[in-house]
PDB file of N, CA and C in Angstrom:
ATOM      1  N   MET A   1      -9.806 -16.934  -1.393  1.00  0.00           N
ATOM      2  CA  MET A   1      -8.844 -15.858  -1.433  1.00  0.00           C
ATOM      3  C   MET A   1      -7.445 -16.379  -1.122  1.00  0.00           C
ATOM      4  N   CYS A   2      -7.296 -17.067  -0.053  1.00  0.00           N
ATOM      5  CA  CYS A   2      -5.968 -17.529   0.348  1.00  0.00           C
ATOM      6  C   CYS A   2      -5.891 -19.046   0.398  1.00  0.00           C
ATOM      7  N   THR A   3      -6.562 -19.709  -0.504  1.00  0.00           N
ATOM      8  CA  THR A   3      -6.480 -21.155  -0.563  1.00  0.00           C
ATOM      9  C   THR A   3      -5.079 -21.526  -1.041  1.00  0.00           C
ATOM     10  N   PRO A   4      -4.310 -22.202  -0.211  1.00  0.00           N
ATOM     11  CA  PRO A   4      -2.920 -22.482  -0.588  1.00  0.00           C
ATOM     12  C   PRO A   4      -2.757 -23.102  -1.977  1.00  0.00           C
ATOM     13  N   ALA A   5      -3.667 -23.954  -2.374  1.00  0.00           N
ATOM     14  CA  ALA A   5      -3.545 -24.594  -3.694  1.00  0.00           C
ATOM     15  C   ALA A   5      -3.755 -23.603  -4.837  1.00  0.00           C
ATOM     16  N   ALA A   6      -4.517 -22.546  -4.604  1.00  0.00           N
ATOM     17  CA  ALA A   6      -4.831 -21.583  -5.666  1.00  0.00           C
ATOM     18  C   ALA A   6      -3.802 -20.456  -5.776  1.00  0.00           C
ATOM     19  N   ILE A   7      -3.097 -20.177  -4.732  1.00  0.00           N
ATOM     20  CA  ILE A   7      -2.177 -19.038  -4.720  1.00  0.00           C
ATOM     21  C   ILE A   7      -1.122 -19.114  -5.827  1.00  0.00           C
ATOM     22  N   PRO A   8      -0.522 -20.259  -6.103  1.00  0.00           N
ATOM     23  CA  PRO A   8       0.474 -20.300  -7.188  1.00  0.00           C
ATOM     24  C   PRO A   8      -0.103 -19.931  -8.558  1.00  0.00           C
ATOM     25  N   GLU A   9      -1.404 -20.040  -8.740  1.00  0.00           N
ATOM     26  CA  GLU A   9      -2.037 -19.705 -10.003  1.00  0.00           C
ATOM     27  C   GLU A   9      -2.328 -18.204 -10.130  1.00  0.00           C
ATOM     28  N   TYR A  10      -2.230 -17.476  -9.040  1.00  0.00           N
ATOM     29  CA  TYR A  10      -2.607 -16.068  -9.023  1.00  0.00           C
ATOM     30  C   TYR A  10      -1.847 -15.227 -10.049  1.00  0.00           C
ATOM     31  N   PRO A  11      -0.513 -15.302 -10.104  1.00  0.00           N
ATOM     32  CA  PRO A  11       0.196 -14.456 -11.071  1.00  0.00           C
ATOM     33  C   PRO A  11      -0.274 -14.676 -12.511  1.00  0.00           C
ATOM     34  N   ASP A  12      -0.432 -15.939 -12.904  1.00  0.00           N
ATOM     35  CA  ASP A  12      -0.912 -16.230 -14.260  1.00  0.00           C
ATOM     36  C   ASP A  12      -2.323 -15.695 -14.468  1.00  0.00           C
ATOM     37  N   ASN A  13      -3.179 -15.903 -13.485  1.00  0.00           N
ATOM     38  CA  ASN A  13      -4.562 -15.434 -13.617  1.00  0.00           C
ATOM     39  C   ASN A  13      -4.639 -13.913 -13.714  1.00  0.00           C
ATOM     40  N   LEU A  14      -3.791 -13.221 -12.971  1.00  0.00           N
ATOM     41  CA  LEU A  14      -3.777 -11.764 -13.047  1.00  0.00           C
ATOM     42  C   LEU A  14      -3.322 -11.305 -14.432  1.00  0.00           C
ATOM     43  N   GLU A  15      -2.328 -11.977 -14.963  1.00  0.00           N
ATOM     44  CA  GLU A  15      -1.872 -11.676 -16.324  1.00  0.00           C
ATOM     45  C   GLU A  15      -2.995 -11.887 -17.342  1.00  0.00           C
ATOM     46  N   HIS A  16      -3.706 -12.998 -17.202  1.00  0.00           N
ATOM     47  CA  HIS A  16      -4.819 -13.291 -18.108  1.00  0.00           C
ATOM     48  C   HIS A  16      -5.920 -12.244 -17.976  1.00  0.00           C
ATOM     49  N   LEU A  17      -6.203 -11.814 -16.758  1.00  0.00           N
ATOM     50  CA  LEU A  17      -7.221 -10.789 -16.539  1.00  0.00           C
ATOM     51  C   LEU A  17      -6.845  -9.497 -17.274  1.00  0.00           C
ATOM     52  N   ALA A  18      -5.607  -9.082 -17.118  1.00  0.00           N
ATOM     53  CA  ALA A  18      -5.154  -7.858 -17.789  1.00  0.00           C
ATOM     54  C   ALA A  18      -5.291  -8.000 -19.306  1.00  0.00           C
ATOM     55  N   LYS A  19      -4.883  -9.134 -19.822  1.00  0.00           N
ATOM     56  CA  LYS A  19      -4.982  -9.371 -21.271  1.00  0.00           C
ATOM     57  C   LYS A  19      -6.440  -9.329 -21.726  1.00  0.00           C
ATOM     58  N   ASP A  20      -7.322  -9.982 -20.977  1.00  0.00           N
ATOM     59  CA  ASP A  20      -8.744 -10.027 -21.343  1.00  0.00           C
ATOM     60  C   ASP A  20      -9.399  -8.649 -21.289  1.00  0.00           C
ATOM     61  N   VAL A  21      -9.085  -7.873 -20.261  1.00  0.00           N
ATOM     62  CA  VAL A  21      -9.663  -6.524 -20.136  1.00  0.00           C
ATOM     63  C   VAL A  21      -9.175  -5.647 -21.286  1.00  0.00           C
ATOM     64  N   ARG A  22      -7.907  -5.719 -21.582  1.00  0.00           N
ATOM     65  CA  ARG A  22      -7.362  -4.917 -22.682  1.00  0.00           C
ATOM     66  C   ARG A  22      -7.973  -5.313 -24.025  1.00  0.00           C
ATOM     67  N   LYS A  23      -8.181  -6.605 -24.213  1.00  0.00           N
ATOM     68  CA  LYS A  23      -8.809  -7.077 -25.452  1.00  0.00           C
ATOM     69  C   LYS A  23     -10.252  -6.602 -25.536  1.00  0.00           C
ATOM     70  N   GLU A  24     -10.990  -6.754 -24.441  1.00  0.00           N
ATOM     71  CA  GLU A  24     -12.402  -6.360 -24.416  1.00  0.00           C
ATOM     72  C   GLU A  24     -12.583  -4.885 -24.753  1.00  0.00           C
ATOM     73  N   PHE A  25     -11.700  -4.056 -24.233  1.00  0.00           N
ATOM     74  CA  PHE A  25     -11.829  -2.609 -24.439  1.00  0.00           C
ATOM     75  C   PHE A  25     -10.956  -2.094 -25.585  1.00  0.00           C
ATOM     76  N   LYS A  26     -10.377  -3.033 -26.329  1.00  0.00           N
ATOM     77  CA  LYS A  26      -9.546  -2.669 -27.484  1.00  0.00           C
ATOM     78  C   LYS A  26      -8.505  -1.615 -27.102  1.00  0.00           C
ATOM     79  N   ALA A  27      -7.865  -1.865 -25.991  1.00  0.00           N
ATOM     80  CA  ALA A  27      -6.859  -0.949 -25.458  1.00  0.00           C
ATOM     81  C   ALA A  27      -5.632  -1.765 -25.039  1.00  0.00           C
ATOM     82  N   PRO A  28      -4.799  -2.152 -26.004  1.00  0.00           N
ATOM     83  CA  PRO A  28      -3.686  -3.055 -25.709  1.00  0.00           C
ATOM     84  C   PRO A  28      -2.646  -2.513 -24.731  1.00  0.00           C
ATOM     85  N   ASN A  29      -2.620  -1.216 -24.534  1.00  0.00           N
ATOM     86  CA  ASN A  29      -1.651  -0.626 -23.601  1.00  0.00           C
ATOM     87  C   ASN A  29      -2.317  -0.001 -22.380  1.00  0.00           C
ATOM     88  N   LEU A  30      -3.548  -0.399 -22.122  1.00  0.00           N
ATOM     89  CA  LEU A  30      -4.280   0.148 -20.983  1.00  0.00           C
ATOM     90  C   LEU A  30      -3.467  -0.002 -19.700  1.00  0.00           C
ATOM     91  N   SER A  31      -3.328   1.082 -18.963  1.00  0.00           N
ATOM     92  CA  SER A  31      -2.611   1.040 -17.686  1.00  0.00           C
ATOM     93  C   SER A  31      -3.362   0.167 -16.696  1.00  0.00           C
ATOM     94  N   MET A  32      -2.613  -0.544 -15.881  1.00  0.00           N
ATOM     95  CA  MET A  32      -3.194  -1.404 -14.858  1.00  0.00           C
ATOM     96  C   MET A  32      -2.598  -1.031 -13.505  1.00  0.00           C
ATOM     97  N   ILE A  33      -3.457  -0.871 -12.536  1.00  0.00           N
ATOM     98  CA  ILE A  33      -3.041  -0.616 -11.165  1.00  0.00           C
ATOM     99  C   ILE A  33      -3.484  -1.816 -10.345  1.00  0.00           C
ATOM    100  N   VAL A  34      -2.547  -2.457  -9.675  1.00  0.00           N
ATOM    101  CA  VAL A  34      -2.857  -3.618  -8.847  1.00  0.00           C
ATOM    102  C   VAL A  34      -2.656  -3.211  -7.393  1.00  0.00           C
ATOM    103  N   GLY A  35      -3.760  -3.147  -6.672  1.00  0.00           N
ATOM    104  CA  GLY A  35      -3.703  -2.809  -5.253  1.00  0.00           C
ATOM    105  C   GLY A  35      -3.539  -4.062  -4.412  1.00  0.00           C
ATOM    106  N   GLU A  36      -2.541  -4.051  -3.577  1.00  0.00           N
ATOM    107  CA  GLU A  36      -2.274  -5.173  -2.677  1.00  0.00           C
ATOM    108  C   GLU A  36      -3.464  -5.427  -1.757  1.00  0.00           C
ATOM    109  N   LEU A  37      -3.713  -6.671  -1.489  1.00  0.00           N
ATOM    110  CA  LEU A  37      -4.723  -7.031  -0.507  1.00  0.00           C
ATOM    111  C   LEU A  37      -4.081  -6.826   0.868  1.00  0.00           C
ATOM    112  N   GLY A  38      -4.165  -5.603   1.353  1.00  0.00           N
ATOM    113  CA  GLY A  38      -3.438  -5.235   2.562  1.00  0.00           C
ATOM    114  C   GLY A  38      -4.270  -5.172   3.816  1.00  0.00           C
ATOM    115  N   ASN A  39      -5.585  -5.435   3.686  1.00  0.00           N
ATOM    116  CA  ASN A  39      -6.404  -5.380   4.885  1.00  0.00           C
ATOM    117  C   ASN A  39      -5.864  -6.368   5.916  1.00  0.00           C
ATOM    118  N   GLY A  40      -5.952  -5.985   7.145  1.00  0.00           N
ATOM    119  CA  GLY A  40      -5.373  -6.794   8.201  1.00  0.00           C
ATOM    120  C   GLY A  40      -3.956  -6.357   8.545  1.00  0.00           C
ATOM    121  N   GLY A  41      -3.381  -5.496   7.704  1.00  0.00           N
ATOM    122  CA  GLY A  41      -2.051  -4.970   7.974  1.00  0.00           C
ATOM    123  C   GLY A  41      -0.943  -5.945   7.637  1.00  0.00           C
ATOM    124  N   PRO A  42       0.265  -5.581   8.016  1.00  0.00           N
ATOM    125  CA  PRO A  42       1.406  -6.447   7.716  1.00  0.00           C
ATOM    126  C   PRO A  42       1.236  -7.823   8.365  1.00  0.00           C
ATOM    127  N   VAL A  43       1.658  -8.847   7.628  1.00  0.00           N
ATOM    128  CA  VAL A  43       1.603 -10.195   8.199  1.00  0.00           C
ATOM    129  C   VAL A  43       2.831 -10.396   9.067  1.00  0.00           C
ATOM    130  N   LYS A  44       2.624 -11.068  10.158  1.00  0.00           N
ATOM    131  CA  LYS A  44       3.699 -11.258  11.117  1.00  0.00           C
ATOM    132  C   LYS A  44       4.400 -12.603  10.964  1.00  0.00           C
ATOM    133  N   LYS A  45       3.842 -13.464  10.107  1.00  0.00           N
ATOM    134  CA  LYS A  45       4.462 -14.775   9.912  1.00  0.00           C
ATOM    135  C   LYS A  45       4.176 -15.265   8.498  1.00  0.00           C
ATOM    136  N   ALA A  46       4.960 -16.228   8.079  1.00  0.00           N
ATOM    137  CA  ALA A  46       4.759 -16.820   6.756  1.00  0.00           C
ATOM    138  C   ALA A  46       3.413 -17.539   6.732  1.00  0.00           C
ATOM    139  N   GLY A  47       2.847 -17.635   5.551  1.00  0.00           N
ATOM    140  CA  GLY A  47       1.569 -18.315   5.412  1.00  0.00           C
ATOM    141  C   GLY A  47       0.834 -17.848   4.184  1.00  0.00           C
ATOM    142  N   ALA A  48      -0.432 -18.211   4.109  1.00  0.00           N
ATOM    143  CA  ALA A  48      -1.228 -17.959   2.915  1.00  0.00           C
ATOM    144  C   ALA A  48      -1.338 -16.477   2.564  1.00  0.00           C
ATOM    145  N   MET A  49      -1.567 -15.617   3.544  1.00  0.00           N
ATOM    146  CA  MET A  49      -1.714 -14.194   3.234  1.00  0.00           C
ATOM    147  C   MET A  49      -0.408 -13.618   2.692  1.00  0.00           C
ATOM    148  N   ALA A  50       0.703 -13.961   3.304  1.00  0.00           N
ATOM    149  CA  ALA A  50       2.004 -13.491   2.807  1.00  0.00           C
ATOM    150  C   ALA A  50       2.256 -14.016   1.400  1.00  0.00           C
ATOM    151  N   ASP A  51       1.919 -15.271   1.166  1.00  0.00           N
ATOM    152  CA  ASP A  51       2.109 -15.866  -0.159  1.00  0.00           C
ATOM    153  C   ASP A  51       1.208 -15.207  -1.196  1.00  0.00           C
ATOM    154  N   LEU A  52      -0.027 -14.896  -0.819  1.00  0.00           N
ATOM    155  CA  LEU A  52      -0.949 -14.247  -1.752  1.00  0.00           C
ATOM    156  C   LEU A  52      -0.427 -12.863  -2.141  1.00  0.00           C
ATOM    157  N   ARG A  53       0.038 -12.113  -1.171  1.00  0.00           N
ATOM    158  CA  ARG A  53       0.557 -10.776  -1.461  1.00  0.00           C
ATOM    159  C   ARG A  53       1.772 -10.843  -2.385  1.00  0.00           C
ATOM    160  N   LYS A  54       2.640 -11.832  -2.184  1.00  0.00           N
ATOM    161  CA  LYS A  54       3.781 -12.013  -3.082  1.00  0.00           C
ATOM    162  C   LYS A  54       3.295 -12.365  -4.489  1.00  0.00           C
ATOM    163  N   ALA A  55       2.279 -13.209  -4.566  1.00  0.00           N
ATOM    164  CA  ALA A  55       1.732 -13.607  -5.868  1.00  0.00           C
ATOM    165  C   ALA A  55       1.121 -12.409  -6.586  1.00  0.00           C
ATOM    166  N   GLN A  56       0.466 -11.524  -5.845  1.00  0.00           N
ATOM    167  CA  GLN A  56      -0.087 -10.313  -6.458  1.00  0.00           C
ATOM    168  C   GLN A  56       1.040  -9.470  -7.058  1.00  0.00           C
ATOM    169  N   GLN A  57       2.094  -9.298  -6.302  1.00  0.00           N
ATOM    170  CA  GLN A  57       3.212  -8.492  -6.770  1.00  0.00           C
ATOM    171  C   GLN A  57       3.891  -9.146  -7.975  1.00  0.00           C
ATOM    172  N   GLN A  58       4.047 -10.457  -7.943  1.00  0.00           N
ATOM    173  CA  GLN A  58       4.645 -11.164  -9.076  1.00  0.00           C
ATOM    174  C   GLN A  58       3.794 -10.996 -10.328  1.00  0.00           C
ATOM    175  N   GLY A  59       2.492 -11.165 -10.183  1.00  0.00           N
ATOM    176  CA  GLY A  59       1.598 -11.018 -11.331  1.00  0.00           C
ATOM    177  C   GLY A  59       1.664  -9.622 -11.916  1.00  0.00           C
ATOM    178  N   ALA A  60       1.639  -8.624 -11.053  1.00  0.00           N
ATOM    179  CA  ALA A  60       1.699  -7.242 -11.527  1.00  0.00           C
ATOM    180  C   ALA A  60       3.009  -6.968 -12.258  1.00  0.00           C
ATOM    181  N   SER A  61       4.098  -7.547 -11.797  1.00  0.00           N
ATOM    182  CA  SER A  61       5.401  -7.304 -12.426  1.00  0.00           C
ATOM    183  C   SER A  61       5.483  -7.892 -13.833  1.00  0.00           C
ATOM    184  N   ARG A  62       4.613  -8.825 -14.152  1.00  0.00           N
ATOM    185  CA  ARG A  62       4.607  -9.451 -15.477  1.00  0.00           C
ATOM    186  C   ARG A  62       3.778  -8.671 -16.499  1.00  0.00           C
ATOM    187  N   ILE A  63       3.020  -7.701 -16.027  1.00  0.00           N
ATOM    188  CA  ILE A  63       2.092  -6.977 -16.900  1.00  0.00           C
ATOM    189  C   ILE A  63       2.728  -5.666 -17.346  1.00  0.00           C
ATOM    190  N   LYS A  64       2.839  -5.516 -18.663  1.00  0.00           N
ATOM    191  CA  LYS A  64       3.382  -4.276 -19.216  1.00  0.00           C
ATOM    192  C   LYS A  64       2.462  -3.111 -18.844  1.00  0.00           C
ATOM    193  N   ASN A  65       3.046  -1.991 -18.500  1.00  0.00           N
ATOM    194  CA  ASN A  65       2.304  -0.774 -18.155  1.00  0.00           C
ATOM    195  C   ASN A  65       1.403  -0.983 -16.939  1.00  0.00           C
ATOM    196  N   ALA A  66       1.949  -1.671 -15.953  1.00  0.00           N
ATOM    197  CA  ALA A  66       1.208  -1.913 -14.712  1.00  0.00           C
ATOM    198  C   ALA A  66       2.078  -1.521 -13.529  1.00  0.00           C
ATOM    199  N   VAL A  67       1.421  -1.219 -12.437  1.00  0.00           N
ATOM    200  CA  VAL A  67       2.129  -0.880 -11.208  1.00  0.00           C
ATOM    201  C   VAL A  67       1.431  -1.574 -10.041  1.00  0.00           C
ATOM    202  N   PHE A  68       2.229  -1.996  -9.091  1.00  0.00           N
ATOM    203  CA  PHE A  68       1.726  -2.640  -7.872  1.00  0.00           C
ATOM    204  C   PHE A  68       1.783  -1.619  -6.749  1.00  0.00           C
ATOM    205  N   VAL A  69       0.707  -1.521  -5.989  1.00  0.00           N
ATOM    206  CA  VAL A  69       0.627  -0.552  -4.894  1.00  0.00           C
ATOM    207  C   VAL A  69       0.512  -1.293  -3.566  1.00  0.00           C
ATOM    208  N   ASN A  70       1.500  -1.092  -2.714  1.00  0.00           N
ATOM    209  CA  ASN A  70       1.451  -1.672  -1.364  1.00  0.00           C
ATOM    210  C   ASN A  70       0.417  -0.929  -0.528  1.00  0.00           C
ATOM    211  N   THR A  71      -0.365  -1.665   0.244  1.00  0.00           N
ATOM    212  CA  THR A  71      -1.404  -1.018   1.051  1.00  0.00           C
ATOM    213  C   THR A  71      -1.412  -1.436   2.518  1.00  0.00           C
ATOM    214  N   THR A  72      -0.554  -2.353   2.911  1.00  0.00           N
ATOM    215  CA  THR A  72      -0.641  -2.861   4.284  1.00  0.00           C
ATOM    216  C   THR A  72      -0.471  -1.784   5.347  1.00  0.00           C
ATOM    217  N   ALA A  73       0.295  -0.755   5.044  1.00  0.00           N
ATOM    218  CA  ALA A  73       0.516   0.312   6.032  1.00  0.00           C
ATOM    219  C   ALA A  73      -0.754   1.104   6.326  1.00  0.00           C
ATOM    220  N   PHE A  74      -1.765   0.940   5.488  1.00  0.00           N
ATOM    221  CA  PHE A  74      -2.993   1.717   5.658  1.00  0.00           C
ATOM    222  C   PHE A  74      -4.010   1.040   6.576  1.00  0.00           C
ATOM    223  N   ALA A  75      -3.738  -0.165   6.979  1.00  0.00           N
ATOM    224  CA  ALA A  75      -4.668  -0.874   7.862  1.00  0.00           C
ATOM    225  C   ALA A  75      -4.620  -0.260   9.258  1.00  0.00           C
ATOM    226  N   ARG A  76      -5.773   0.080   9.750  1.00  0.00           N
ATOM    227  CA  ARG A  76      -5.876   0.622  11.095  1.00  0.00           C
ATOM    228  C   ARG A  76      -6.359  -0.492  12.022  1.00  0.00           C
ATOM    229  N   PRO A  77      -5.938  -0.477  13.271  1.00  0.00           N
ATOM    230  CA  PRO A  77      -6.321  -1.561  14.186  1.00  0.00           C
ATOM    231  C   PRO A  77      -7.822  -1.599  14.436  1.00  0.00           C
ATOM    232  N   ASN A  78      -8.305  -2.795  14.722  1.00  0.00           N
ATOM    233  CA  ASN A  78      -9.746  -2.950  14.922  1.00  0.00           C
ATOM    234  C   ASN A  78     -10.264  -2.117  16.091  1.00  0.00           C
ATOM    235  N   ASN A  79      -9.456  -1.905  17.109  1.00  0.00           N
ATOM    236  CA  ASN A  79      -9.948  -1.132  18.255  1.00  0.00           C
ATOM    237  C   ASN A  79     -10.104   0.352  17.945  1.00  0.00           C
ATOM    238  N   LEU A  80      -9.613   0.790  16.778  1.00  0.00           N
ATOM    239  CA  LEU A  80      -9.785   2.178  16.342  1.00  0.00           C
ATOM    240  C   LEU A  80     -10.749   2.273  15.164  1.00  0.00           C
ATOM    241  N   SER A  81     -11.516   1.220  14.974  1.00  0.00           N
ATOM    242  CA  SER A  81     -12.387   1.127  13.808  1.00  0.00           C
ATOM    243  C   SER A  81     -13.809   0.768  14.223  1.00  0.00           C
ATOM    244  N   PRO A  82     -14.784   1.080  13.374  1.00  0.00           N
ATOM    245  CA  PRO A  82     -16.186   0.856  13.741  1.00  0.00           C
ATOM    246  C   PRO A  82     -16.666  -0.588  13.643  1.00  0.00           C
ATOM    247  N   ASN A  83     -15.971  -1.433  12.890  1.00  0.00           N
ATOM    248  CA  ASN A  83     -16.460  -2.795  12.686  1.00  0.00           C
ATOM    249  C   ASN A  83     -15.350  -3.768  13.080  1.00  0.00           C
ATOM    250  N   THR A  84     -15.186  -3.973  14.365  1.00  0.00           N
ATOM    251  CA  THR A  84     -14.037  -4.690  14.912  1.00  0.00           C
ATOM    252  C   THR A  84     -13.897  -6.133  14.446  1.00  0.00           C
ATOM    253  N   GLY A  85     -14.953  -6.743  13.942  1.00  0.00           N
ATOM    254  CA  GLY A  85     -14.887  -8.140  13.536  1.00  0.00           C
ATOM    255  C   GLY A  85     -14.681  -8.369  12.055  1.00  0.00           C
ATOM    256  N   HIS A  86     -14.454  -7.321  11.296  1.00  0.00           N
ATOM    257  CA  HIS A  86     -14.358  -7.474   9.845  1.00  0.00           C
ATOM    258  C   HIS A  86     -13.017  -6.990   9.312  1.00  0.00           C
ATOM    259  N   GLY A  87     -11.939  -7.680   9.695  1.00  0.00           N
ATOM    260  CA  GLY A  87     -10.611  -7.341   9.199  1.00  0.00           C
ATOM    261  C   GLY A  87     -10.518  -7.445   7.694  1.00  0.00           C
ATOM    262  N   HIS A  88     -11.324  -8.341   7.113  1.00  0.00           N
ATOM    263  CA  HIS A  88     -11.301  -8.499   5.655  1.00  0.00           C
ATOM    264  C   HIS A  88     -11.938  -7.312   4.940  1.00  0.00           C
ATOM    265  N   HIS A  89     -12.563  -6.422   5.692  1.00  0.00           N
ATOM    266  CA  HIS A  89     -13.109  -5.173   5.132  1.00  0.00           C
ATOM    267  C   HIS A  89     -12.477  -3.974   5.837  1.00  0.00           C
ATOM    268  N   TRP A  90     -11.198  -4.115   6.161  1.00  0.00           N
ATOM    269  CA  TRP A  90     -10.443  -3.026   6.787  1.00  0.00           C
ATOM    270  C   TRP A  90     -11.114  -2.530   8.066  1.00  0.00           C
ATOM    271  N   PHE A  91     -11.865  -3.396   8.711  1.00  0.00           N
ATOM    272  CA  PHE A  91     -12.612  -3.066   9.936  1.00  0.00           C
ATOM    273  C   PHE A  91     -13.555  -1.887   9.738  1.00  0.00           C
ATOM    274  N   GLY A  92     -13.929  -1.652   8.479  1.00  0.00           N
ATOM    275  CA  GLY A  92     -14.842  -0.546   8.179  1.00  0.00           C
ATOM    276  C   GLY A  92     -14.231   0.817   8.451  1.00  0.00           C
ATOM    277  N   ASN A  93     -12.924   0.895   8.450  1.00  0.00           N
ATOM    278  CA  ASN A  93     -12.251   2.134   8.812  1.00  0.00           C
ATOM    279  C   ASN A  93     -12.127   3.061   7.593  1.00  0.00           C
ATOM    280  N   ALA A  94     -12.780   4.200   7.645  1.00  0.00           N
ATOM    281  CA  ALA A  94     -12.789   5.146   6.529  1.00  0.00           C
ATOM    282  C   ALA A  94     -11.393   5.673   6.214  1.00  0.00           C
ATOM    283  N   GLU A  95     -10.574   5.851   7.219  1.00  0.00           N
ATOM    284  CA  GLU A  95      -9.212   6.331   6.963  1.00  0.00           C
ATOM    285  C   GLU A  95      -8.449   5.327   6.111  1.00  0.00           C
ATOM    286  N   SER A  96      -8.603   4.046   6.414  1.00  0.00           N
ATOM    287  CA  SER A  96      -7.943   3.016   5.602  1.00  0.00           C
ATOM    288  C   SER A  96      -8.407   3.095   4.159  1.00  0.00           C
ATOM    289  N   TYR A  97      -9.718   3.168   3.962  1.00  0.00           N
ATOM    290  CA  TYR A  97     -10.255   3.248   2.603  1.00  0.00           C
ATOM    291  C   TYR A  97      -9.728   4.493   1.877  1.00  0.00           C
ATOM    292  N   PHE A  98      -9.686   5.600   2.562  1.00  0.00           N
ATOM    293  CA  PHE A  98      -9.188   6.839   1.964  1.00  0.00           C
ATOM    294  C   PHE A  98      -7.733   6.689   1.540  1.00  0.00           C
ATOM    295  N   LEU A  99      -6.912   6.157   2.427  1.00  0.00           N
ATOM    296  CA  LEU A  99      -5.487   6.026   2.140  1.00  0.00           C
ATOM    297  C   LEU A  99      -5.227   5.069   0.969  1.00  0.00           C
ATOM    298  N   VAL A 100      -5.997   3.991   0.900  1.00  0.00           N
ATOM    299  CA  VAL A 100      -5.864   3.066  -0.232  1.00  0.00           C
ATOM    300  C   VAL A 100      -6.235   3.787  -1.523  1.00  0.00           C
ATOM    301  N   GLY A 101      -7.366   4.454  -1.526  1.00  0.00           N
ATOM    302  CA  GLY A 101      -7.802   5.179  -2.717  1.00  0.00           C
ATOM    303  C   GLY A 101      -6.803   6.237  -3.143  1.00  0.00           C
ATOM    304  N   ASP A 102      -6.253   6.948  -2.183  1.00  0.00           N
ATOM    305  CA  ASP A 102      -5.262   7.981  -2.474  1.00  0.00           C
ATOM    306  C   ASP A 102      -4.013   7.374  -3.114  1.00  0.00           C
ATOM    307  N   ALA A 103      -3.544   6.257  -2.564  1.00  0.00           N
ATOM    308  CA  ALA A 103      -2.352   5.597  -3.115  1.00  0.00           C
ATOM    309  C   ALA A 103      -2.609   5.070  -4.523  1.00  0.00           C
ATOM    310  N   LEU A 104      -3.786   4.513  -4.753  1.00  0.00           N
ATOM    311  CA  LEU A 104      -4.117   4.010  -6.082  1.00  0.00           C
ATOM    312  C   LEU A 104      -4.213   5.165  -7.086  1.00  0.00           C
ATOM    313  N   ALA A 105      -4.796   6.277  -6.658  1.00  0.00           N
ATOM    314  CA  ALA A 105      -4.903   7.449  -7.536  1.00  0.00           C
ATOM    315  C   ALA A 105      -3.524   8.004  -7.876  1.00  0.00           C
ATOM    316  N   LYS A 106      -2.638   8.092  -6.897  1.00  0.00           N
ATOM    317  CA  LYS A 106      -1.284   8.589  -7.151  1.00  0.00           C
ATOM    318  C   LYS A 106      -0.537   7.688  -8.129  1.00  0.00           C
ATOM    319  N   ALA A 107      -0.726   6.376  -8.003  1.00  0.00           N
ATOM    320  CA  ALA A 107      -0.102   5.444  -8.935  1.00  0.00           C
ATOM    321  C   ALA A 107      -0.651   5.644 -10.339  1.00  0.00           C
ATOM    322  N   THR A 108      -1.936   5.900 -10.438  1.00  0.00           N
ATOM    323  CA  THR A 108      -2.563   6.141 -11.738  1.00  0.00           C
ATOM    324  C   THR A 108      -1.974   7.389 -12.379  1.00  0.00           C
ATOM    325  N   ILE A 109      -1.844   8.441 -11.596  1.00  0.00           N
ATOM    326  CA  ILE A 109      -1.266   9.690 -12.107  1.00  0.00           C
ATOM    327  C   ILE A 109       0.166   9.467 -12.595  1.00  0.00           C
ATOM    328  N   GLU A 110       0.939   8.708 -11.839  1.00  0.00           N
ATOM    329  CA  GLU A 110       2.325   8.419 -12.244  1.00  0.00           C
ATOM    330  C   GLU A 110       2.367   7.701 -13.583  1.00  0.00           C
ATOM    331  N   LEU A 111       1.486   6.718 -13.775  1.00  0.00           N
ATOM    332  CA  LEU A 111       1.454   6.005 -15.052  1.00  0.00           C
ATOM    333  C   LEU A 111       1.049   6.921 -16.195  1.00  0.00           C
ATOM    334  N   ILE A 112       0.087   7.788 -15.947  1.00  0.00           N
ATOM    335  CA  ILE A 112      -0.352   8.727 -16.986  1.00  0.00           C
ATOM    336  C   ILE A 112       0.779   9.681 -17.346  1.00  0.00           C
ATOM    337  N   GLU A 113       1.482  10.180 -16.345  1.00  0.00           N
ATOM    338  CA  GLU A 113       2.543  11.148 -16.601  1.00  0.00           C
ATOM    339  C   GLU A 113       3.734  10.533 -17.322  1.00  0.00           C
ATOM    340  N   LYS A 114       3.927   9.213 -17.190  1.00  0.00           N
ATOM    341  CA  LYS A 114       5.008   8.533 -17.920  1.00  0.00           C
ATOM    342  C   LYS A 114       4.778   8.590 -19.423  1.00  0.00           C
ATOM    343  N   LYS A 115       3.514   8.675 -19.811  1.00  0.00           N
ATOM    344  CA  LYS A 115       3.175   8.722 -21.227  1.00  0.00           C
ATOM    345  C   LYS A 115       3.387  10.119 -21.712  1.00  0.00           C
TER     346      LYS A 115
END
C-alpha cells in the first residue's frame, strides 16, 4: 500500500484502471469516484501515507469525469472504536464507514447531476 518505490506509479496505475474498467464495460465516459485512503486520519508528518494520498489525488485529477473525495476527517480515534488495533480498517468504527459512504454517494450524485 505505502511502499515508497510504488507510490510514484500510483497516478498512472489509477489512470490505467479507469481506462480498463471503461473499456470492459463499454462505457467511455463512466463516472469515477476515487475515495482517499483516509483511515488513520490526517497524517501529522511527511512520509509514505501522505505521499500515497497525494498520488491518489493526482491520479484522480487526470481522469476525465472523475472526482476525488477526501475522507481523513471521518477517521474516529481508536479509543472510541471497537477494534483498537486495526487503524487500517478504520478501527472498525461504523460511524467512519457511514461517513465515507455518505461522502462517496454525494460525490456520485454531483457527477450525475452535472450530466
